[in-house]
Amino acid sequence: MFLHLDTTELSCALAIIAAFGFLFGAVLDAILRESGFGPTGNTLLFIAGFFIAVLVANRHGIALNDLRLATACGLGGAFALTGAVALLKAGLARL
């Protein structure tokens, strides 16, 4: 999906995802507090998870032509990555 976008569309997509990522990162920082990674860290994890999920879905042959499906896939991957890393951090803190 992202490989077929021109520079303008890709930069707009990145800006929108970064804006939503910062919003969710700030909310997750308020929820997770010391278990989180701060607003910026949560935002970076969110953006990375979004793009990784979409790229993995494309790699496995899932056509994300519908924007709703692509958004759902990206958000699922973003929250999955953030949750997995937060669980890993909490597990390591208990050692």
N, C-alpha and C. Protein backbone atom coordinates (compact mmCIF):
# COMPACT_ATOMS: atom_id res chain seq x y z
N MET A 1 0.82 -1.18 0.00
CA MET A 1 0.00 0.00 0.00
C MET A 1 0.87 1.25 0.00
N PHE A 2 1.84 1.33 0.92
CA PHE A 2 2.68 2.51 0.99
C PHE A 2 3.69 2.57 -0.14
N LEU A 3 3.97 1.43 -0.74
CA LEU A 3 4.96 1.41 -1.81
C LEU A 3 4.44 2.03 -3.09
N HIS A 4 3.12 2.15 -3.21
CA HIS A 4 2.53 2.69 -4.42
C HIS A 4 2.08 4.14 -4.27
N LEU A 5 2.44 4.79 -3.18
CA LEU A 5 2.08 6.18 -2.95
C LEU A 5 3.19 7.10 -3.43
N ASP A 6 2.79 8.26 -3.94
CA ASP A 6 3.82 9.23 -4.30
C ASP A 6 4.25 9.99 -3.04
N THR A 7 5.19 10.89 -3.19
CA THR A 7 5.79 11.56 -2.04
C THR A 7 4.77 12.39 -1.27
N THR A 8 3.89 13.08 -1.98
CA THR A 8 2.91 13.93 -1.32
C THR A 8 1.92 13.09 -0.50
N GLU A 9 1.42 12.01 -1.10
CA GLU A 9 0.46 11.17 -0.38
C GLU A 9 1.12 10.49 0.82
N LEU A 10 2.35 10.07 0.66
CA LEU A 10 3.06 9.41 1.76
C LEU A 10 3.33 10.39 2.90
N SER A 11 3.69 11.62 2.59
CA SER A 11 3.94 12.59 3.65
C SER A 11 2.65 12.99 4.35
N CYS A 12 1.54 13.06 3.62
CA CYS A 12 0.25 13.34 4.26
C CYS A 12 -0.16 12.19 5.16
N ALA A 13 0.03 10.95 4.69
CA ALA A 13 -0.30 9.78 5.51
C ALA A 13 0.55 9.76 6.77
N LEU A 14 1.83 10.05 6.64
CA LEU A 14 2.72 10.05 7.80
C LEU A 14 2.32 11.15 8.78
N ALA A 15 1.94 12.32 8.27
CA ALA A 15 1.54 13.41 9.15
C ALA A 15 0.26 13.07 9.91
N ILE A 16 -0.70 12.46 9.23
CA ILE A 16 -1.95 12.10 9.89
C ILE A 16 -1.71 11.01 10.94
N ILE A 17 -0.91 10.02 10.59
CA ILE A 17 -0.62 8.94 11.53
C ILE A 17 0.20 9.48 12.71
N ALA A 18 1.10 10.40 12.45
CA ALA A 18 1.88 10.99 13.54
C ALA A 18 0.99 11.81 14.47
N ALA A 19 0.03 12.53 13.92
CA ALA A 19 -0.87 13.32 14.76
C ALA A 19 -1.73 12.42 15.64
N PHE A 20 -2.31 11.37 15.05
CA PHE A 20 -3.08 10.43 15.84
C PHE A 20 -2.18 9.67 16.82
N GLY A 21 -0.97 9.38 16.39
CA GLY A 21 -0.03 8.70 17.27
C GLY A 21 0.31 9.54 18.48
N PHE A 22 0.48 10.85 18.29
CA PHE A 22 0.78 11.71 19.44
C PHE A 22 -0.42 11.80 20.38
N LEU A 23 -1.62 11.85 19.81
CA LEU A 23 -2.82 11.87 20.64
C LEU A 23 -2.92 10.59 21.46
N PHE A 24 -2.79 9.43 20.81
CA PHE A 24 -2.86 8.17 21.53
C PHE A 24 -1.67 7.99 22.46
N GLY A 25 -0.50 8.52 22.08
CA GLY A 25 0.67 8.44 22.94
C GLY A 25 0.49 9.21 24.23
N ALA A 26 -0.14 10.38 24.13
CA ALA A 26 -0.39 11.18 25.34
C ALA A 26 -1.43 10.49 26.23
N VAL A 27 -2.45 9.91 25.61
CA VAL A 27 -3.47 9.21 26.38
C VAL A 27 -2.86 7.97 27.05
N LEU A 28 -2.06 7.22 26.30
CA LEU A 28 -1.42 6.04 26.88
C LEU A 28 -0.45 6.41 27.99
N ASP A 29 0.19 7.56 27.88
CA ASP A 29 1.09 8.00 28.95
C ASP A 29 0.30 8.29 30.22
N ALA A 30 -0.89 8.86 30.07
CA ALA A 30 -1.72 9.12 31.25
C ALA A 30 -2.24 7.82 31.86
N ILE A 31 -2.48 6.81 31.01
CA ILE A 31 -3.00 5.54 31.51
C ILE A 31 -1.88 4.69 32.10
N LEU A 32 -0.78 4.54 31.39
CA LEU A 32 0.29 3.63 31.80
C LEU A 32 1.23 4.22 32.84
N ARG A 33 1.37 5.53 32.85
CA ARG A 33 2.27 6.24 33.76
C ARG A 33 3.69 5.68 33.72
N GLU A 34 4.18 5.12 34.81
CA GLU A 34 5.57 4.65 34.84
C GLU A 34 5.78 3.37 34.04
N SER A 35 4.71 2.68 33.69
CA SER A 35 4.85 1.47 32.87
C SER A 35 4.99 1.81 31.39
N GLY A 36 4.69 3.05 31.04
CA GLY A 36 4.78 3.48 29.65
C GLY A 36 6.15 4.02 29.31
N PHE A 37 6.22 4.71 28.19
CA PHE A 37 7.49 5.21 27.68
C PHE A 37 7.48 6.71 27.47
N GLY A 38 6.53 7.40 28.07
CA GLY A 38 6.39 8.84 27.87
C GLY A 38 5.61 9.10 26.59
N PRO A 39 5.12 10.31 26.41
CA PRO A 39 4.32 10.61 25.22
C PRO A 39 5.08 10.40 23.91
N THR A 40 6.34 10.79 23.88
CA THR A 40 7.11 10.64 22.65
C THR A 40 7.42 9.18 22.36
N GLY A 41 7.82 8.44 23.36
CA GLY A 41 8.11 7.01 23.18
C GLY A 41 6.87 6.24 22.76
N ASN A 42 5.74 6.53 23.40
CA ASN A 42 4.49 5.87 23.02
C ASN A 42 4.11 6.23 21.59
N THR A 43 4.34 7.49 21.21
CA THR A 43 4.03 7.91 19.84
C THR A 43 4.89 7.17 18.83
N LEU A 44 6.17 7.05 19.11
CA LEU A 44 7.06 6.35 18.18
C LEU A 44 6.71 4.87 18.07
N LEU A 45 6.36 4.25 19.19
CA LEU A 45 5.92 2.86 19.15
C LEU A 45 4.62 2.72 18.36
N PHE A 46 3.72 3.66 18.55
CA PHE A 46 2.43 3.63 17.85
C PHE A 46 2.64 3.76 16.34
N ILE A 47 3.46 4.71 15.92
CA ILE A 47 3.70 4.91 14.48
C ILE A 47 4.41 3.69 13.89
N ALA A 48 5.40 3.17 14.59
CA ALA A 48 6.12 1.99 14.10
C ALA A 48 5.18 0.80 13.99
N GLY A 49 4.35 0.58 15.00
CA GLY A 49 3.41 -0.53 14.97
C GLY A 49 2.41 -0.40 13.84
N PHE A 50 1.95 0.81 13.57
CA PHE A 50 1.00 1.04 12.49
C PHE A 50 1.62 0.65 11.15
N PHE A 51 2.80 1.19 10.87
CA PHE A 51 3.42 0.92 9.58
C PHE A 51 3.85 -0.54 9.45
N ILE A 52 4.35 -1.12 10.52
CA ILE A 52 4.76 -2.53 10.46
C ILE A 52 3.56 -3.42 10.19
N ALA A 53 2.43 -3.16 10.83
CA ALA A 53 1.23 -3.98 10.62
C ALA A 53 0.74 -3.89 9.19
N VAL A 54 0.73 -2.70 8.63
CA VAL A 54 0.26 -2.54 7.25
C VAL A 54 1.23 -3.21 6.27
N LEU A 55 2.51 -3.05 6.51
CA LEU A 55 3.49 -3.67 5.62
C LEU A 55 3.46 -5.20 5.72
N VAL A 56 3.28 -5.73 6.92
CA VAL A 56 3.19 -7.19 7.09
C VAL A 56 1.93 -7.72 6.42
N ALA A 57 0.83 -6.99 6.54
CA ALA A 57 -0.41 -7.41 5.88
C ALA A 57 -0.24 -7.43 4.37
N ASN A 58 0.41 -6.41 3.82
CA ASN A 58 0.67 -6.39 2.38
C ASN A 58 1.60 -7.51 1.97
N ARG A 59 2.57 -7.80 2.80
CA ARG A 59 3.54 -8.86 2.49
C ARG A 59 2.88 -10.23 2.44
N HIS A 60 1.84 -10.41 3.26
CA HIS A 60 1.12 -11.68 3.30
C HIS A 60 -0.02 -11.74 2.29
N GLY A 61 -0.11 -10.77 1.42
CA GLY A 61 -1.10 -10.80 0.35
C GLY A 61 -2.47 -10.27 0.71
N ILE A 62 -2.61 -9.61 1.84
CA ILE A 62 -3.89 -9.02 2.21
C ILE A 62 -4.00 -7.67 1.52
N ALA A 63 -5.00 -7.54 0.64
CA ALA A 63 -5.19 -6.30 -0.09
C ALA A 63 -5.87 -5.28 0.82
N LEU A 64 -5.23 -4.18 1.05
CA LEU A 64 -5.77 -3.14 1.90
C LEU A 64 -6.25 -1.97 1.05
N ASN A 65 -7.06 -2.27 0.04
CA ASN A 65 -7.58 -1.23 -0.83
C ASN A 65 -8.62 -0.38 -0.12
N ASP A 66 -9.36 -0.98 0.81
CA ASP A 66 -10.35 -0.25 1.58
C ASP A 66 -9.65 0.48 2.73
N LEU A 67 -9.88 1.76 2.84
CA LEU A 67 -9.19 2.57 3.84
C LEU A 67 -9.59 2.16 5.26
N ARG A 68 -10.83 1.72 5.45
CA ARG A 68 -11.26 1.28 6.77
C ARG A 68 -10.51 0.03 7.20
N LEU A 69 -10.32 -0.90 6.28
CA LEU A 69 -9.57 -2.12 6.60
C LEU A 69 -8.11 -1.80 6.90
N ALA A 70 -7.52 -0.91 6.12
CA ALA A 70 -6.13 -0.53 6.35
C ALA A 70 -5.97 0.17 7.70
N THR A 71 -6.92 1.02 8.04
CA THR A 71 -6.87 1.72 9.33
C THR A 71 -7.03 0.74 10.48
N ALA A 72 -7.97 -0.18 10.35
CA ALA A 72 -8.18 -1.17 11.41
C ALA A 72 -6.94 -2.06 11.58
N CYS A 73 -6.34 -2.46 10.48
CA CYS A 73 -5.14 -3.28 10.55
C CYS A 73 -3.99 -2.50 11.20
N GLY A 74 -3.82 -1.26 10.80
CA GLY A 74 -2.75 -0.43 11.36
C GLY A 74 -2.95 -0.14 12.83
N LEU A 75 -4.17 0.19 13.23
CA LEU A 75 -4.43 0.47 14.64
C LEU A 75 -4.26 -0.78 15.50
N GLY A 76 -4.69 -1.91 14.96
CA GLY A 76 -4.50 -3.17 15.69
C GLY A 76 -3.03 -3.47 15.90
N GLY A 77 -2.23 -3.28 14.86
CA GLY A 77 -0.80 -3.50 14.98
C GLY A 77 -0.13 -2.51 15.91
N ALA A 78 -0.59 -1.26 15.88
CA ALA A 78 -0.01 -0.24 16.75
C ALA A 78 -0.27 -0.55 18.21
N PHE A 79 -1.50 -0.89 18.54
CA PHE A 79 -1.82 -1.21 19.92
C PHE A 79 -1.20 -2.54 20.35
N ALA A 80 -1.08 -3.48 19.42
CA ALA A 80 -0.44 -4.76 19.75
C ALA A 80 1.04 -4.55 20.07
N LEU A 81 1.73 -3.76 19.27
CA LEU A 81 3.15 -3.51 19.53
C LEU A 81 3.33 -2.74 20.83
N THR A 82 2.53 -1.71 21.04
CA THR A 82 2.64 -0.93 22.27
C THR A 82 2.35 -1.79 23.49
N GLY A 83 1.31 -2.61 23.41
CA GLY A 83 0.97 -3.49 24.52
C GLY A 83 2.04 -4.53 24.79
N ALA A 84 2.59 -5.11 23.72
CA ALA A 84 3.62 -6.14 23.89
C ALA A 84 4.88 -5.56 24.51
N VAL A 85 5.28 -4.38 24.07
CA VAL A 85 6.49 -3.77 24.62
C VAL A 85 6.25 -3.33 26.06
N ALA A 86 5.04 -2.84 26.38
CA ALA A 86 4.74 -2.45 27.76
C ALA A 86 4.72 -3.68 28.68
N LEU A 87 4.18 -4.81 28.18
CA LEU A 87 4.21 -6.04 28.96
C LEU A 87 5.64 -6.53 29.18
N LEU A 88 6.46 -6.41 28.14
CA LEU A 88 7.86 -6.80 28.26
C LEU A 88 8.58 -5.92 29.29
N LYS A 89 8.31 -4.62 29.26
CA LYS A 89 8.92 -3.72 30.22
C LYS A 89 8.47 -4.03 31.64
N ALA A 90 7.17 -4.31 31.82
CA ALA A 90 6.66 -4.65 33.14
C ALA A 90 7.24 -5.97 33.64
N GLY A 91 7.39 -6.93 32.73
CA GLY A 91 7.98 -8.22 33.11
C GLY A 91 9.44 -8.08 33.51
N LEU A 92 10.19 -7.27 32.79
CA LEU A 92 11.59 -7.06 33.13
C LEU A 92 11.75 -6.28 34.42
N ALA A 93 10.79 -5.41 34.73
CA ALA A 93 10.87 -4.64 35.96
C ALA A 93 10.66 -5.52 37.19
N ARG A 94 9.98 -6.64 37.03
CA ARG A 94 9.73 -7.55 38.15
C ARG A 94 10.91 -8.46 38.43
N LEU A 95 11.85 -8.54 37.52
CA LEU A 95 13.02 -9.41 37.75
C LEU A 95 13.99 -8.83 38.74
